[in-house]
């Protein structure tokens, strides 16, 4: 969205191919117990146009209910969401489900549903002027990133390292590890980006979907100086 509007940057590579699995949370004290009870509930979000905001729209659309500006409560971050849900348990909060799993396990949050992103989780973005002047350096950095991603994916000890670092149960870390797929090439799927623009247009975040040429000229890595 920011690149389409004003940010002079380009997407140079997909980083994580697999979708991010968002959990639909509420306070453990909330009366909500089923997906059928979620319509007309406010959503706590970190900020407007953030992942928690966008995925609330995607989730609402998937479930057949519309969300407006007044359906959101700004909470800044995860700690803000914890405070907000203590103050008002009858609201929803979308966040990556493994990050919040310890809060579910300890009984602070409960998870009602899941909503995977309809696109890859992360891309690598470089400011256009830097990319044009340092294309070889960017390629070298991408090669290092891919090397370590490949090493992590092939390391049988990785789930235990992740569990320790992020205070997860070993079984949760193993489950997360098995679902993550890193991009090991420089490919960026144009069709995926067109699909993202269609979703953003449907949600009135973009004025209209992008065309193929706009994806190439405004989002993707320039193939030559001046492009």
C-alpha atoms as a PDB file:
ATOM      1  CA  UNK A   1       0.000   0.000   0.000  1.00  0.00           C
ATOM      2  CA  UNK A   2       2.758   2.461   0.943  1.00  0.00           C
ATOM      3  CA  UNK A   3       4.724   1.719  -2.246  1.00  0.00           C
ATOM      4  CA  UNK A   4       1.642   2.310  -4.400  1.00  0.00           C
ATOM      5  CA  UNK A   5       0.997   5.619  -2.664  1.00  0.00           C
ATOM      6  CA  UNK A   6       4.317   7.379  -2.061  1.00  0.00           C
ATOM      7  CA  UNK A   7       7.153   5.122  -0.905  1.00  0.00           C
ATOM      8  CA  UNK A   8       9.919   4.949  -3.577  1.00  0.00           C
ATOM      9  CA  UNK A   9      10.837   1.327  -2.852  1.00  0.00           C
ATOM     10  CA  UNK A  10      10.722  -1.979  -4.699  1.00  0.00           C
ATOM     11  CA  UNK A  11       9.994  -5.557  -3.715  1.00  0.00           C
ATOM     12  CA  UNK A  12      13.155  -7.525  -4.493  1.00  0.00           C
ATOM     13  CA  UNK A  13      12.242 -10.943  -3.135  1.00  0.00           C
ATOM     14  CA  UNK A  14       9.679 -12.931  -1.236  1.00  0.00           C
ATOM     15  CA  UNK A  15      11.108 -13.827   2.184  1.00  0.00           C
ATOM     16  CA  UNK A  16       8.581 -16.301   3.583  1.00  0.00           C
ATOM     17  CA  UNK A  17       6.415 -18.175   1.086  1.00  0.00           C
ATOM     18  CA  UNK A  18       3.945 -19.652   3.552  1.00  0.00           C
ATOM     19  CA  UNK A  19       0.965 -17.714   4.912  1.00  0.00           C
ATOM     20  CA  UNK A  20       0.944 -16.213   8.369  1.00  0.00           C
ATOM     21  CA  UNK A  21      -1.604 -17.992  10.526  1.00  0.00           C
ATOM     22  CA  UNK A  22      -3.538 -15.396  12.516  1.00  0.00           C
ATOM     23  CA  UNK A  23      -5.461 -16.426  15.586  1.00  0.00           C
ATOM     24  CA  UNK A  24      -8.822 -14.796  16.329  1.00  0.00           C
ATOM     25  CA  UNK A  25      -8.576 -14.103  20.054  1.00  0.00           C
ATOM     26  CA  UNK A  26     -10.693 -12.684  22.784  1.00  0.00           C
ATOM     27  CA  UNK A  27     -10.329 -12.441  26.532  1.00  0.00           C
ATOM     28  CA  UNK A  28     -10.695 -15.722  28.391  1.00  0.00           C
ATOM     29  CA  UNK A  29     -13.387 -13.898  30.415  1.00  0.00           C
ATOM     30  CA  UNK A  30     -15.442 -13.009  27.334  1.00  0.00           C
ATOM     31  CA  UNK A  31     -18.845 -14.604  26.822  1.00  0.00           C
ATOM     32  CA  UNK A  32     -17.912 -15.428  23.206  1.00  0.00           C
ATOM     33  CA  UNK A  33     -17.499 -19.155  22.685  1.00  0.00           C
ATOM     34  CA  UNK A  34     -18.227 -19.713  18.997  1.00  0.00           C
ATOM     35  CA  UNK A  35     -17.572 -18.177  15.587  1.00  0.00           C
ATOM     36  CA  UNK A  36     -21.292 -17.554  15.139  1.00  0.00           C
ATOM     37  CA  UNK A  37     -21.107 -14.941  17.922  1.00  0.00           C
ATOM     38  CA  UNK A  38     -18.395 -12.768  16.358  1.00  0.00           C
ATOM     39  CA  UNK A  39     -20.496 -10.436  14.188  1.00  0.00           C
ATOM     40  CA  UNK A  40     -20.918  -6.896  15.604  1.00  0.00           C
ATOM     41  CA  UNK A  41     -17.971  -7.306  17.987  1.00  0.00           C
ATOM     42  CA  UNK A  42     -15.253  -4.608  17.975  1.00  0.00           C
ATOM     43  CA  UNK A  43     -11.710  -5.499  16.922  1.00  0.00           C
ATOM     44  CA  UNK A  44      -8.624  -4.373  18.818  1.00  0.00           C
ATOM     45  CA  UNK A  45      -5.917  -3.416  16.278  1.00  0.00           C
ATOM     46  CA  UNK A  46      -2.358  -2.160  16.640  1.00  0.00           C
ATOM     47  CA  UNK A  47      -2.888   0.688  14.142  1.00  0.00           C
ATOM     48  CA  UNK A  48      -4.813   1.429  10.963  1.00  0.00           C
ATOM     49  CA  UNK A  49      -3.488  -0.387   7.864  1.00  0.00           C
ATOM     50  CA  UNK A  50      -1.503  -2.777  10.080  1.00  0.00           C
ATOM     51  CA  UNK A  51      -1.742  -6.539   9.741  1.00  0.00           C
ATOM     52  CA  UNK A  52      -4.202  -6.807  12.622  1.00  0.00           C
ATOM     53  CA  UNK A  53      -6.404  -4.182  10.927  1.00  0.00           C
ATOM     54  CA  UNK A  54      -6.186  -5.654   7.422  1.00  0.00           C
ATOM     55  CA  UNK A  55      -6.721  -9.242   8.579  1.00  0.00           C
ATOM     56  CA  UNK A  56      -9.778  -8.196  10.582  1.00  0.00           C
ATOM     57  CA  UNK A  57     -11.275  -7.004   7.274  1.00  0.00           C
ATOM     58  CA  UNK A  58     -10.225 -10.212   5.524  1.00  0.00           C
ATOM     59  CA  UNK A  59     -11.679 -12.316   8.324  1.00  0.00           C
ATOM     60  CA  UNK A  60     -14.938 -10.370   8.358  1.00  0.00           C
ATOM     61  CA  UNK A  61     -15.289 -10.772   4.617  1.00  0.00           C
ATOM     62  CA  UNK A  62     -14.592 -14.508   4.905  1.00  0.00           C
ATOM     63  CA  UNK A  63     -17.331 -14.813   7.546  1.00  0.00           C
ATOM     64  CA  UNK A  64     -19.856 -12.609   5.769  1.00  0.00           C
ATOM     65  CA  UNK A  65     -19.937  -9.480   7.934  1.00  0.00           C
ATOM     66  CA  UNK A  66     -18.830  -5.946   7.083  1.00  0.00           C
ATOM     67  CA  UNK A  67     -16.563  -3.803   9.232  1.00  0.00           C
ATOM     68  CA  UNK A  68     -16.503  -0.008   9.394  1.00  0.00           C
ATOM     69  CA  UNK A  69     -14.167   2.564  10.914  1.00  0.00           C
ATOM     70  CA  UNK A  70     -16.036   2.564  14.218  1.00  0.00           C
ATOM     71  CA  UNK A  71     -15.561  -1.184  14.656  1.00  0.00           C
ATOM     72  CA  UNK A  72     -11.879  -0.791  15.588  1.00  0.00           C
ATOM     73  CA  UNK A  73     -10.111   0.051  18.828  1.00  0.00           C
ATOM     74  CA  UNK A  74      -6.467   1.166  18.587  1.00  0.00           C
ATOM     75  CA  UNK A  75      -4.217  -0.618  21.101  1.00  0.00           C
ATOM     76  CA  UNK A  76      -0.714  -0.022  19.616  1.00  0.00           C
ATOM     77  CA  UNK A  77       0.817  -3.457  20.287  1.00  0.00           C
ATOM     78  CA  UNK A  78       0.365  -6.827  22.001  1.00  0.00           C
ATOM     79  CA  UNK A  79       0.756  -5.362  25.494  1.00  0.00           C
ATOM     80  CA  UNK A  80      -1.843  -2.753  24.600  1.00  0.00           C
ATOM     81  CA  UNK A  81      -4.186  -5.499  23.437  1.00  0.00           C
ATOM     82  CA  UNK A  82      -3.743  -7.391  26.696  1.00  0.00           C
ATOM     83  CA  UNK A  83      -4.672  -4.271  28.661  1.00  0.00           C
ATOM     84  CA  UNK A  84      -7.607  -3.478  26.370  1.00  0.00           C
ATOM     85  CA  UNK A  85      -9.048  -6.986  26.559  1.00  0.00           C
ATOM     86  CA  UNK A  86      -8.809  -6.894  30.345  1.00  0.00           C
ATOM     87  CA  UNK A  87     -10.780  -3.633  30.323  1.00  0.00           C
ATOM     88  CA  UNK A  88     -13.276  -4.793  27.686  1.00  0.00           C
ATOM     89  CA  UNK A  89     -13.318  -8.601  27.294  1.00  0.00           C
ATOM     90  CA  UNK A  90     -16.055  -8.529  24.624  1.00  0.00           C
ATOM     91  CA  UNK A  91     -13.800  -7.611  21.712  1.00  0.00           C
ATOM     92  CA  UNK A  92     -11.661  -9.522  19.226  1.00  0.00           C
ATOM     93  CA  UNK A  93      -7.964  -9.390  18.489  1.00  0.00           C
ATOM     94  CA  UNK A  94      -6.137 -10.931  15.533  1.00  0.00           C
ATOM     95  CA  UNK A  95      -2.458 -11.757  16.066  1.00  0.00           C
ATOM     96  CA  UNK A  96      -0.039 -14.418  14.881  1.00  0.00           C
ATOM     97  CA  UNK A  97      -1.247 -17.483  16.769  1.00  0.00           C
ATOM     98  CA  UNK A  98       2.113 -18.818  17.971  1.00  0.00           C
ATOM     99  CA  UNK A  99       3.136 -15.442  19.389  1.00  0.00           C
ATOM    100  CA  UNK A 100      -0.001 -15.391  21.518  1.00  0.00           C
ATOM    101  CA  UNK A 101      -0.003 -19.127  22.333  1.00  0.00           C
ATOM    102  CA  UNK A 102       1.583 -18.607  25.792  1.00  0.00           C
ATOM    103  CA  UNK A 103      -1.244 -16.183  26.642  1.00  0.00           C
ATOM    104  CA  UNK A 104      -3.793 -18.794  25.564  1.00  0.00           C
ATOM    105  CA  UNK A 105      -2.024 -21.530  27.536  1.00  0.00           C
ATOM    106  CA  UNK A 106      -1.988 -19.446  30.736  1.00  0.00           C
ATOM    107  CA  UNK A 107      -5.699 -18.618  30.436  1.00  0.00           C
ATOM    108  CA  UNK A 108      -5.467 -14.899  29.640  1.00  0.00           C
ATOM    109  CA  UNK A 109      -6.703 -15.192  26.042  1.00  0.00           C
ATOM    110  CA  UNK A 110      -8.838 -17.757  24.317  1.00  0.00           C
ATOM    111  CA  UNK A 111      -8.647 -18.491  20.622  1.00  0.00           C
ATOM    112  CA  UNK A 112     -11.933 -18.750  18.736  1.00  0.00           C
ATOM    113  CA  UNK A 113     -10.796 -19.269  15.153  1.00  0.00           C
ATOM    114  CA  UNK A 114      -7.896 -18.964  12.705  1.00  0.00           C
ATOM    115  CA  UNK A 115      -7.379 -16.825   9.606  1.00  0.00           C
ATOM    116  CA  UNK A 116      -4.350 -17.536   7.387  1.00  0.00           C
ATOM    117  CA  UNK A 117      -3.224 -14.720   5.112  1.00  0.00           C
ATOM    118  CA  UNK A 118      -4.281 -15.209   1.460  1.00  0.00           C
ATOM    119  CA  UNK A 119      -0.711 -14.313   0.403  1.00  0.00           C
ATOM    120  CA  UNK A 120       2.900 -15.032   1.487  1.00  0.00           C
ATOM    121  CA  UNK A 121       3.851 -13.660   4.870  1.00  0.00           C
ATOM    122  CA  UNK A 122       6.835 -11.399   4.212  1.00  0.00           C
ATOM    123  CA  UNK A 123       8.719  -9.787   1.346  1.00  0.00           C
ATOM    124  CA  UNK A 124      12.081  -7.994   1.217  1.00  0.00           C
ATOM    125  CA  UNK A 125      11.821  -4.345   0.155  1.00  0.00           C
ATOM    126  CA  UNK A 126      14.648  -1.996  -0.846  1.00  0.00           C
ATOM    127  CA  UNK A 127      14.536   1.737  -1.455  1.00  0.00           C
ATOM    128  CA  UNK A 128      14.667   2.274  -5.227  1.00  0.00           C
ATOM    129  CA  UNK A 129      17.615   4.714  -5.335  1.00  0.00           C
ATOM    130  CA  UNK A 130      19.695   2.418  -3.123  1.00  0.00           C
ATOM    131  CA  UNK A 131      18.805  -0.584  -5.270  1.00  0.00           C
ATOM    132  CA  UNK A 132      19.825   1.169  -8.480  1.00  0.00           C
ATOM    133  CA  UNK A 133      23.206   2.166  -7.012  1.00  0.00           C
ATOM    134  CA  UNK A 134      23.914  -1.062  -5.104  1.00  0.00           C
ATOM    135  CA  UNK A 135      22.374  -3.897  -7.056  1.00  0.00           C
ATOM    136  CA  UNK A 136      25.291  -6.290  -6.510  1.00  0.00           C
ATOM    137  CA  UNK A 137      25.344  -5.578  -2.772  1.00  0.00           C
ATOM    138  CA  UNK A 138      21.602  -6.275  -2.564  1.00  0.00           C
ATOM    139  CA  UNK A 139      22.141  -9.604  -4.337  1.00  0.00           C
ATOM    140  CA  UNK A 140      24.910 -10.504  -1.893  1.00  0.00           C
ATOM    141  CA  UNK A 141      22.699  -9.719   1.097  1.00  0.00           C
ATOM    142  CA  UNK A 142      19.835 -11.765  -0.380  1.00  0.00           C
ATOM    143  CA  UNK A 143      22.207 -14.690  -0.877  1.00  0.00           C
ATOM    144  CA  UNK A 144      23.227 -14.523   2.793  1.00  0.00           C
ATOM    145  CA  UNK A 145      19.595 -14.389   3.891  1.00  0.00           C
ATOM    146  CA  UNK A 146      18.726 -17.425   1.762  1.00  0.00           C
ATOM    147  CA  UNK A 147      21.765 -19.331   3.042  1.00  0.00           C
ATOM    148  CA  UNK A 148      20.777 -18.893   6.684  1.00  0.00           C
ATOM    149  CA  UNK A 149      17.109 -19.600   5.964  1.00  0.00           C
ATOM    150  CA  UNK A 150      18.115 -22.855   4.285  1.00  0.00           C
ATOM    151  CA  UNK A 151      20.371 -23.770   7.209  1.00  0.00           C
ATOM    152  CA  UNK A 152      17.608 -23.067   9.703  1.00  0.00           C
ATOM    153  CA  UNK A 153      15.115 -25.167   7.768  1.00  0.00           C
ATOM    154  CA  UNK A 154      17.528 -28.110   7.646  1.00  0.00           C
ATOM    155  CA  UNK A 155      18.589 -27.898  11.308  1.00  0.00           C
ATOM    156  CA  UNK A 156      16.862 -30.606  13.400  1.00  0.00           C
ATOM    157  CA  UNK A 157      17.581 -28.575  16.562  1.00  0.00           C
ATOM    158  CA  UNK A 158      15.822 -25.461  15.235  1.00  0.00           C
ATOM    159  CA  UNK A 159      12.405 -26.123  16.862  1.00  0.00           C
ATOM    160  CA  UNK A 160      14.008 -26.418  20.324  1.00  0.00           C
ATOM    161  CA  UNK A 161      16.017 -23.225  19.759  1.00  0.00           C
ATOM    162  CA  UNK A 162      12.849 -21.411  18.693  1.00  0.00           C
ATOM    163  CA  UNK A 163      10.883 -22.764  21.660  1.00  0.00           C
ATOM    164  CA  UNK A 164      13.531 -21.510  24.086  1.00  0.00           C
ATOM    165  CA  UNK A 165      13.920 -18.101  22.448  1.00  0.00           C
ATOM    166  CA  UNK A 166      10.175 -17.360  22.254  1.00  0.00           C
ATOM    167  CA  UNK A 167       9.005 -19.199  25.369  1.00  0.00           C
ATOM    168  CA  UNK A 168       6.898 -21.722  23.453  1.00  0.00           C
ATOM    169  CA  UNK A 169       6.015 -25.291  24.159  1.00  0.00           C
ATOM    170  CA  UNK A 170       8.290 -27.599  22.140  1.00  0.00           C
ATOM    171  CA  UNK A 171       5.260 -29.072  20.364  1.00  0.00           C
ATOM    172  CA  UNK A 172       4.070 -25.594  19.302  1.00  0.00           C
ATOM    173  CA  UNK A 173       7.510 -24.655  18.014  1.00  0.00           C
ATOM    174  CA  UNK A 174       7.688 -27.904  16.053  1.00  0.00           C
ATOM    175  CA  UNK A 175       4.250 -27.282  14.548  1.00  0.00           C
ATOM    176  CA  UNK A 176       5.222 -23.744  13.522  1.00  0.00           C
ATOM    177  CA  UNK A 177       8.530 -24.923  12.078  1.00  0.00           C
ATOM    178  CA  UNK A 178       6.836 -27.523   9.920  1.00  0.00           C
ATOM    179  CA  UNK A 179       4.451 -24.967   8.404  1.00  0.00           C
ATOM    180  CA  UNK A 180       7.012 -22.278   7.483  1.00  0.00           C
ATOM    181  CA  UNK A 181       8.481 -22.194   3.990  1.00  0.00           C
ATOM    182  CA  UNK A 182      11.218 -19.692   3.150  1.00  0.00           C
ATOM    183  CA  UNK A 183      11.796 -18.408  -0.372  1.00  0.00           C
ATOM    184  CA  UNK A 184      15.172 -19.587  -1.644  1.00  0.00           C
ATOM    185  CA  UNK A 185      15.149 -17.694  -4.959  1.00  0.00           C
ATOM    186  CA  UNK A 186      14.655 -14.103  -6.102  1.00  0.00           C
ATOM    187  CA  UNK A 187      11.283 -14.871  -7.646  1.00  0.00           C
ATOM    188  CA  UNK A 188       8.290 -12.682  -6.834  1.00  0.00           C
ATOM    189  CA  UNK A 189       4.935 -13.937  -8.080  1.00  0.00           C
ATOM    190  CA  UNK A 190       3.201 -11.170 -10.047  1.00  0.00           C
ATOM    191  CA  UNK A 191      -0.109 -12.991  -9.877  1.00  0.00           C
ATOM    192  CA  UNK A 192       0.103 -13.045  -6.087  1.00  0.00           C
ATOM    193  CA  UNK A 193       0.669  -9.276  -5.995  1.00  0.00           C
ATOM    194  CA  UNK A 194      -2.265  -8.710  -8.343  1.00  0.00           C
ATOM    195  CA  UNK A 195      -4.397 -10.784  -5.975  1.00  0.00           C
ATOM    196  CA  UNK A 196      -3.245  -8.721  -3.005  1.00  0.00           C
ATOM    197  CA  UNK A 197      -4.175  -5.512  -4.845  1.00  0.00           C
ATOM    198  CA  UNK A 198      -7.641  -6.924  -5.572  1.00  0.00           C
ATOM    199  CA  UNK A 199      -8.199  -7.694  -1.887  1.00  0.00           C
ATOM    200  CA  UNK A 200      -6.959  -4.238  -0.846  1.00  0.00           C
ATOM    201  CA  UNK A 201      -9.258  -2.656  -3.420  1.00  0.00           C
ATOM    202  CA  UNK A 202     -12.221  -4.669  -2.160  1.00  0.00           C
ATOM    203  CA  UNK A 203     -11.465  -3.361   1.334  1.00  0.00           C
ATOM    204  CA  UNK A 204     -11.188   0.255   0.037  1.00  0.00           C
ATOM    205  CA  UNK A 205      -7.537   0.460   1.082  1.00  0.00           C
ATOM    206  CA  UNK A 206      -6.570   0.907  -2.578  1.00  0.00           C
ATOM    207  CA  UNK A 207      -8.749   2.911  -4.959  1.00  0.00           C
ATOM    208  CA  UNK A 208      -8.690   0.079  -7.514  1.00  0.00           C
ATOM    209  CA  UNK A 209      -6.757  -3.110  -8.265  1.00  0.00           C
ATOM    210  CA  UNK A 210      -3.418  -2.736 -10.047  1.00  0.00           C
ATOM    211  CA  UNK A 211      -2.751  -3.794 -13.626  1.00  0.00           C
ATOM    212  CA  UNK A 212       0.111  -6.118 -14.584  1.00  0.00           C
ATOM    213  CA  UNK A 213       2.206  -3.229 -15.879  1.00  0.00           C
ATOM    214  CA  UNK A 214       1.674  -1.275 -12.645  1.00  0.00           C
ATOM    215  CA  UNK A 215       2.850  -4.224 -10.576  1.00  0.00           C
ATOM    216  CA  UNK A 216       6.029  -4.406 -12.675  1.00  0.00           C
ATOM    217  CA  UNK A 217       6.689  -0.666 -12.777  1.00  0.00           C
ATOM    218  CA  UNK A 218       5.686   0.347  -9.250  1.00  0.00           C
ATOM    219  CA  UNK A 219       6.250  -2.680  -7.038  1.00  0.00           C
ATOM    220  CA  UNK A 220       8.869  -5.007  -8.474  1.00  0.00           C
ATOM    221  CA  UNK A 221      12.604  -4.687  -8.725  1.00  0.00           C
ATOM    222  CA  UNK A 222      13.608  -2.413 -11.641  1.00  0.00           C
ATOM    223  CA  UNK A 223      15.413  -4.409 -14.297  1.00  0.00           C
ATOM    224  CA  UNK A 224      17.513  -1.499 -15.529  1.00  0.00           C
ATOM    225  CA  UNK A 225      18.619   1.917 -14.370  1.00  0.00           C
ATOM    226  CA  UNK A 226      15.858   4.458 -14.867  1.00  0.00           C
ATOM    227  CA  UNK A 227      12.996   1.947 -14.829  1.00  0.00           C
END
